Amino acid sequence: MADCPKCPPPGAPAWLATFADMMSLLMCFFIMLLSMASMDVQKFKAVAASMKDAFGVQRLIVADEIPMGTSVIQQEFSPGQATPTPLDEIKQSTQQESEQLSESQDTMERAKQQVIEDKLREIKAEAESIKKRLKLEIDQGLVTVGTSGFRIIIRINETGSFASASAVLKPGFESVMDKITQSVAESEGKVIVAGHTDDIPIKTIMYRSNWELSSSRAVTVAQYMLEKNQIDQNRFLIEGHADTHPLMPNDSPQNRAANRRVEIVIAQDEALLKDQADLTQTIQTDTVPDKTP
């Protein structure tokens, strides 16, 4: 019986074997390329940023943080083992760094607060020590001692210290100044000597206004302490405020007398800032994550 002319010959066509060989070789070639591929972190970030800008996709991780992944190829091929993807690895790593940063900031804030509380207690104790040394003068109404934040304020009242419209210390007030000088010499921080007057205008041959009178009295007090050679002159700051910073309203002779004063302010703000700077440097050194692999 003759073969049917419409039926194909038995078996696979001759070209199919060549095509199958070519497909197998191509598959092996791409598998080899994939097995040798590795991820460049910087290129990965650049590609991710470009894709975001091109398609408007919201990124899940911050682009300016260095991803911790190094390869997109799975290194272990045990069956059934669930391993995180590179994206999960990056998210976990950046989240861990954020938690460490938050903890270090909380620790720093608590440490700063502790420094402030310790400094305030130290200032109050120092002020109490000065009060004991000047107890007799305080009882006589010649001086007062108080605190304001990180500052100790020693107020020299005009009564007993200066004559009216004068910047010359009265005789006998030297003993009080000696005690004050000794207290300031044993302290730390900036020494601000500020003169104050009442609101009654003054115009004499020596002083043209309350500004000159208040400044001259501050200079007199500072000069007396400097002549004892116990205090570094670089600590001093002299100010004259006239009647611009009254303690009380200038509406009675008693209030005006209280406003006529010279204040010696022992300012320890700078010492506190230095303590905080040292503390911050110490905390940052101790809490920086170890980047060594």
Protein backbone atom coordinates (compact mmCIF):
# COMPACT_ATOMS: atom_id res chain seq x y z
CA MET A 1 0.00 0.00 0.00
CA ALA A 2 1.33 3.36 -0.97
CA ASP A 3 2.05 6.10 1.68
CA CYS A 4 -0.49 8.85 2.14
CA PRO A 5 0.86 12.04 0.54
CA LYS A 6 -0.98 14.23 3.10
CA CYS A 7 0.44 12.55 6.24
CA PRO A 8 3.73 13.87 7.76
CA PRO A 9 6.66 11.48 7.99
CA PRO A 10 6.93 9.55 11.28
CA GLY A 11 9.21 10.91 14.05
CA ALA A 12 10.30 14.44 14.95
CA PRO A 13 11.34 16.88 12.27
CA ALA A 14 15.07 17.19 11.65
CA TRP A 15 15.21 20.88 12.62
CA LEU A 16 13.77 20.24 16.15
CA ALA A 17 16.95 18.63 17.44
CA THR A 18 19.05 21.66 16.43
CA PHE A 19 16.52 24.04 17.99
CA ALA A 20 16.46 22.07 21.27
CA ASP A 21 20.27 22.12 21.47
CA MET A 22 20.33 25.89 20.92
CA MET A 23 17.70 26.51 23.64
CA SER A 24 19.61 24.32 26.10
CA LEU A 25 22.84 26.19 25.42
CA LEU A 26 21.11 29.56 25.88
CA MET A 27 19.57 28.42 29.17
CA CYS A 28 22.95 27.22 30.44
CA PHE A 29 24.55 30.51 29.39
CA PHE A 30 22.04 32.64 31.32
CA ILE A 31 22.25 30.36 34.37
CA MET A 32 26.02 30.85 34.34
CA LEU A 33 25.62 34.64 34.10
CA LEU A 34 23.13 34.64 36.98
CA SER A 35 25.35 32.48 39.16
CA MET A 36 28.25 34.92 38.75
CA ALA A 37 26.18 38.08 39.23
CA SER A 38 26.67 40.29 42.34
CA MET A 39 24.94 43.49 43.48
CA ASP A 40 26.82 46.79 43.53
CA VAL A 41 25.32 48.75 46.42
CA GLN A 42 25.88 52.19 44.90
CA LYS A 43 24.49 51.10 41.52
CA PHE A 44 21.53 49.51 43.28
CA LYS A 45 20.75 52.81 45.00
CA ALA A 46 21.16 54.74 41.76
CA VAL A 47 18.86 52.38 39.85
CA ALA A 48 16.28 52.48 42.66
CA ALA A 49 16.33 56.28 42.67
CA SER A 50 15.97 56.43 38.90
CA MET A 51 13.04 54.03 38.93
CA LYS A 52 11.36 56.05 41.67
CA ASP A 53 11.77 59.31 39.75
CA ALA A 54 10.64 57.72 36.50
CA PHE A 55 7.53 55.94 37.79
CA GLY A 56 6.71 57.93 40.95
CA VAL A 57 6.91 54.88 43.19
CA GLN A 58 7.14 55.62 46.93
CA ARG A 59 10.30 54.03 48.27
CA LEU A 60 10.09 51.87 51.38
CA ILE A 61 13.59 52.62 52.66
CA VAL A 62 15.62 55.80 52.92
CA ALA A 63 17.90 56.08 49.91
CA ASP A 64 20.66 57.95 51.74
CA GLU A 65 21.26 55.04 54.13
CA ILE A 66 23.76 52.44 52.96
CA PRO A 67 22.04 49.06 52.42
CA MET A 68 23.57 46.16 54.28
CA GLY A 69 22.97 43.58 51.53
CA THR A 70 25.84 42.63 49.22
CA SER A 71 24.37 40.11 46.80
CA VAL A 72 21.02 39.21 45.29
CA ILE A 73 22.08 35.57 44.91
CA GLN A 74 21.08 33.15 47.59
CA GLN A 75 24.17 31.60 49.11
CA GLU A 76 22.47 28.56 50.65
CA PHE A 77 20.22 26.20 48.71
CA SER A 78 18.86 23.95 51.44
CA PRO A 79 15.27 22.97 50.63
CA GLY A 80 12.51 24.58 52.66
CA GLN A 81 14.77 27.20 54.27
CA ALA A 82 13.12 30.63 54.36
CA THR A 83 15.71 33.37 53.87
CA PRO A 84 14.97 37.10 53.75
CA THR A 85 15.19 38.96 50.50
CA PRO A 86 17.76 41.77 50.04
CA LEU A 87 14.98 44.32 50.56
CA ASP A 88 14.05 42.75 53.91
CA GLU A 89 17.71 42.70 54.93
CA ILE A 90 18.06 46.41 54.12
CA LYS A 91 14.87 47.33 56.00
CA GLN A 92 15.91 45.33 59.06
CA SER A 93 19.40 46.83 59.13
CA THR A 94 18.25 50.44 58.80
CA GLN A 95 15.53 49.90 61.40
CA GLN A 96 18.08 48.50 63.87
CA GLU A 97 20.30 51.57 63.39
CA SER A 98 17.29 53.87 63.95
CA GLU A 99 16.45 52.07 67.21
CA GLN A 100 20.07 52.38 68.40
CA LEU A 101 20.05 56.10 67.54
CA SER A 102 16.80 56.64 69.44
CA GLU A 103 18.15 54.83 72.50
CA SER A 104 21.37 56.85 72.45
CA GLN A 105 19.41 60.13 72.22
CA ASP A 106 17.25 59.15 75.20
CA THR A 107 20.36 58.24 77.18
CA MET A 108 21.95 61.56 76.26
CA GLU A 109 18.88 63.54 77.36
CA ARG A 110 18.74 61.73 80.71
CA ALA A 111 22.43 62.32 81.25
CA LYS A 112 22.08 66.04 80.42
CA GLN A 113 19.19 66.37 82.85
CA GLN A 114 21.28 64.69 85.52
CA VAL A 115 24.14 67.13 84.88
CA ILE A 116 21.76 70.08 85.21
CA GLU A 117 20.29 68.81 88.47
CA ASP A 118 23.74 68.15 89.94
CA LYS A 119 24.92 71.63 88.90
CA LEU A 120 21.88 73.31 90.50
CA ARG A 121 22.47 71.47 93.76
CA GLU A 122 26.12 72.46 93.65
CA ILE A 123 25.24 76.13 93.07
CA LYS A 124 22.73 76.19 95.92
CA ALA A 125 25.27 74.62 98.28
CA GLU A 126 27.87 77.20 97.27
CA ALA A 127 25.38 80.02 97.83
CA GLU A 128 24.61 78.70 101.30
CA SER A 129 28.33 78.67 102.07
CA ILE A 130 28.63 82.33 101.01
CA LYS A 131 25.60 83.23 103.14
CA LYS A 132 27.26 81.71 106.21
CA ARG A 133 30.44 83.67 105.55
CA LEU A 134 28.49 86.94 105.16
CA LYS A 135 25.87 86.23 107.84
CA LEU A 136 26.75 89.29 109.93
CA GLU A 137 26.69 91.62 106.90
CA ILE A 138 23.39 90.11 105.72
CA ASP A 139 21.84 90.66 109.14
CA GLN A 140 23.02 94.29 109.04
CA GLY A 141 21.37 94.80 105.63
CA LEU A 142 24.66 95.55 103.86
CA VAL A 143 24.52 92.65 101.39
CA THR A 144 22.14 89.94 100.20
CA VAL A 145 22.93 86.59 98.59
CA GLY A 146 20.65 84.63 96.27
CA THR A 147 20.59 82.36 93.24
CA SER A 148 18.98 82.61 89.82
CA GLY A 149 19.31 79.49 87.71
CA PHE A 150 23.00 78.75 87.34
CA ARG A 151 24.05 82.09 88.85
CA ILE A 152 24.91 83.23 92.37
CA ILE A 153 24.07 86.89 92.96
CA ILE A 154 25.75 88.90 95.72
CA ARG A 155 24.04 92.30 96.04
CA ILE A 156 25.92 95.15 97.71
CA ASN A 157 23.38 97.69 98.92
CA GLU A 158 24.21 101.37 98.77
CA THR A 159 23.72 101.67 102.53
CA GLY A 160 27.15 101.31 104.12
CA SER A 161 29.00 100.92 100.81
CA PHE A 162 28.73 104.19 98.86
CA ALA A 163 27.80 107.73 99.74
CA SER A 164 25.07 109.40 97.74
CA ALA A 165 26.20 110.32 94.20
CA SER A 166 29.63 108.79 94.89
CA ALA A 167 31.56 105.81 93.54
CA VAL A 168 34.10 105.69 96.41
CA LEU A 169 33.76 102.93 99.00
CA LYS A 170 32.99 104.16 102.49
CA PRO A 171 35.68 103.65 105.15
CA GLY A 172 35.12 100.43 107.06
CA PHE A 173 33.49 98.60 104.16
CA GLU A 174 36.80 96.97 103.23
CA SER A 175 36.20 94.04 105.60
CA VAL A 176 32.96 93.25 103.80
CA MET A 177 34.69 93.44 100.42
CA ASP A 178 37.42 91.11 101.67
CA LYS A 179 34.86 88.43 102.53
CA ILE A 180 33.14 88.88 99.18
CA THR A 181 36.46 88.71 97.33
CA GLN A 182 37.40 85.50 99.13
CA SER A 183 34.04 83.93 98.23
CA VAL A 184 34.38 84.91 94.56
CA ALA A 185 37.98 83.66 94.43
CA GLU A 186 36.91 80.22 95.66
CA SER A 187 34.13 79.95 93.05
CA GLU A 188 34.16 79.09 89.36
CA GLY A 189 32.66 80.80 86.35
CA LYS A 190 32.37 84.30 84.97
CA VAL A 191 32.23 87.25 87.40
CA ILE A 192 29.81 89.95 86.25
CA VAL A 193 29.97 93.18 88.26
CA ALA A 194 26.92 95.33 87.45
CA GLY A 195 26.05 98.77 88.86
CA HIS A 196 22.45 99.97 89.30
CA THR A 197 20.83 103.25 90.36
CA ASP A 198 17.34 104.61 90.97
CA ASP A 199 15.40 106.74 88.48
CA ILE A 200 16.33 110.15 89.95
CA PRO A 201 18.50 111.90 87.33
CA ILE A 202 22.00 112.98 88.33
CA LYS A 203 24.33 115.49 86.72
CA THR A 204 27.45 116.52 88.60
CA ILE A 205 31.02 117.45 87.78
CA MET A 206 32.08 113.81 88.28
CA TYR A 207 29.09 112.02 86.75
CA ARG A 208 26.99 113.32 83.91
CA SER A 209 24.26 110.70 84.32
CA ASN A 210 23.24 107.58 86.20
CA TRP A 211 25.00 105.57 83.50
CA GLU A 212 28.36 106.94 84.53
CA LEU A 213 27.59 106.58 88.25
CA SER A 214 26.48 102.93 87.95
CA SER A 215 29.46 102.04 85.75
CA SER A 216 31.91 103.79 88.09
CA ARG A 217 30.59 101.93 91.12
CA ALA A 218 30.92 98.62 89.28
CA VAL A 219 34.50 99.50 88.32
CA THR A 220 35.29 100.40 91.94
CA VAL A 221 34.08 97.04 93.24
CA ALA A 222 35.85 95.08 90.48
CA GLN A 223 39.07 97.02 90.95
CA TYR A 224 39.08 96.31 94.68
CA MET A 225 38.80 92.56 94.07
CA LEU A 226 41.47 92.62 91.36
CA GLU A 227 43.93 94.43 93.60
CA LYS A 228 43.87 91.44 95.94
CA ASN A 229 45.48 89.38 93.16
CA GLN A 230 43.22 86.45 93.99
CA ILE A 231 41.00 86.40 90.90
CA ASP A 232 41.94 86.13 87.24
CA GLN A 233 41.03 89.39 85.50
CA ASN A 234 39.86 87.44 82.44
CA ARG A 235 36.88 86.26 84.48
CA PHE A 236 35.53 89.79 84.94
CA LEU A 237 32.81 91.55 83.02
CA ILE A 238 31.78 95.07 84.15
CA GLU A 239 28.35 96.51 83.37
CA GLY A 240 26.47 99.73 84.15
CA HIS A 241 22.68 99.62 83.90
CA ALA A 242 21.65 102.94 85.50
CA ASP A 243 17.93 102.61 86.36
CA THR A 244 17.00 100.17 83.57
CA HIS A 245 16.91 97.03 85.78
CA PRO A 246 15.14 97.98 89.02
CA LEU A 247 14.41 95.38 91.68
CA MET A 248 11.31 97.29 92.76
CA PRO A 249 9.22 100.14 91.35
CA ASN A 250 10.81 103.52 91.99
CA ASP A 251 7.76 104.83 93.82
CA SER A 252 9.10 105.24 97.38
CA PRO A 253 12.36 106.13 99.13
CA GLN A 254 12.68 102.55 100.43
CA ASN A 255 12.29 101.06 96.97
CA ARG A 256 14.72 103.53 95.43
CA ALA A 257 17.28 102.64 98.11
CA ALA A 258 16.88 98.94 97.25
CA ASN A 259 17.44 99.70 93.57
CA ARG A 260 20.74 101.51 94.27
CA ARG A 261 23.09 98.55 94.37
CA VAL A 262 26.08 96.76 92.86
CA GLU A 263 25.55 93.12 91.92
CA ILE A 264 28.38 90.59 91.78
CA VAL A 265 27.08 87.72 89.67
CA ILE A 266 29.02 84.44 89.65
CA ALA A 267 27.78 82.96 86.38
CA GLN A 268 28.42 79.24 85.98
CA ASP A 269 26.50 78.89 82.72
CA GLU A 270 29.77 78.42 80.80
CA ALA A 271 30.90 75.68 83.18
CA LEU A 272 27.59 73.90 82.65
CA LEU A 273 27.89 74.10 78.87
CA LYS A 274 31.41 72.69 79.08
CA ASP A 275 30.17 69.80 81.24
CA GLN A 276 27.41 69.09 78.73
CA ALA A 277 29.87 69.19 75.80
CA ASP A 278 32.19 66.74 77.54
CA LEU A 279 29.26 64.52 78.45
CA THR A 280 27.89 64.56 74.89
CA GLN A 281 31.28 63.61 73.47
CA THR A 282 31.58 60.75 75.95
CA ILE A 283 28.10 59.41 75.19
CA GLN A 284 28.61 59.62 71.43
CA THR A 285 31.92 57.78 71.72
CA ASP A 286 30.35 55.02 73.82
CA THR A 287 27.20 54.55 71.71
CA VAL A 288 28.60 54.63 68.14
CA PRO A 289 27.80 51.24 66.55
CA ASP A 290 30.81 49.10 65.68
CA LYS A 291 31.07 49.04 61.89
CA THR A 292 33.96 46.55 61.80
CA PRO A 293 32.79 43.29 60.25
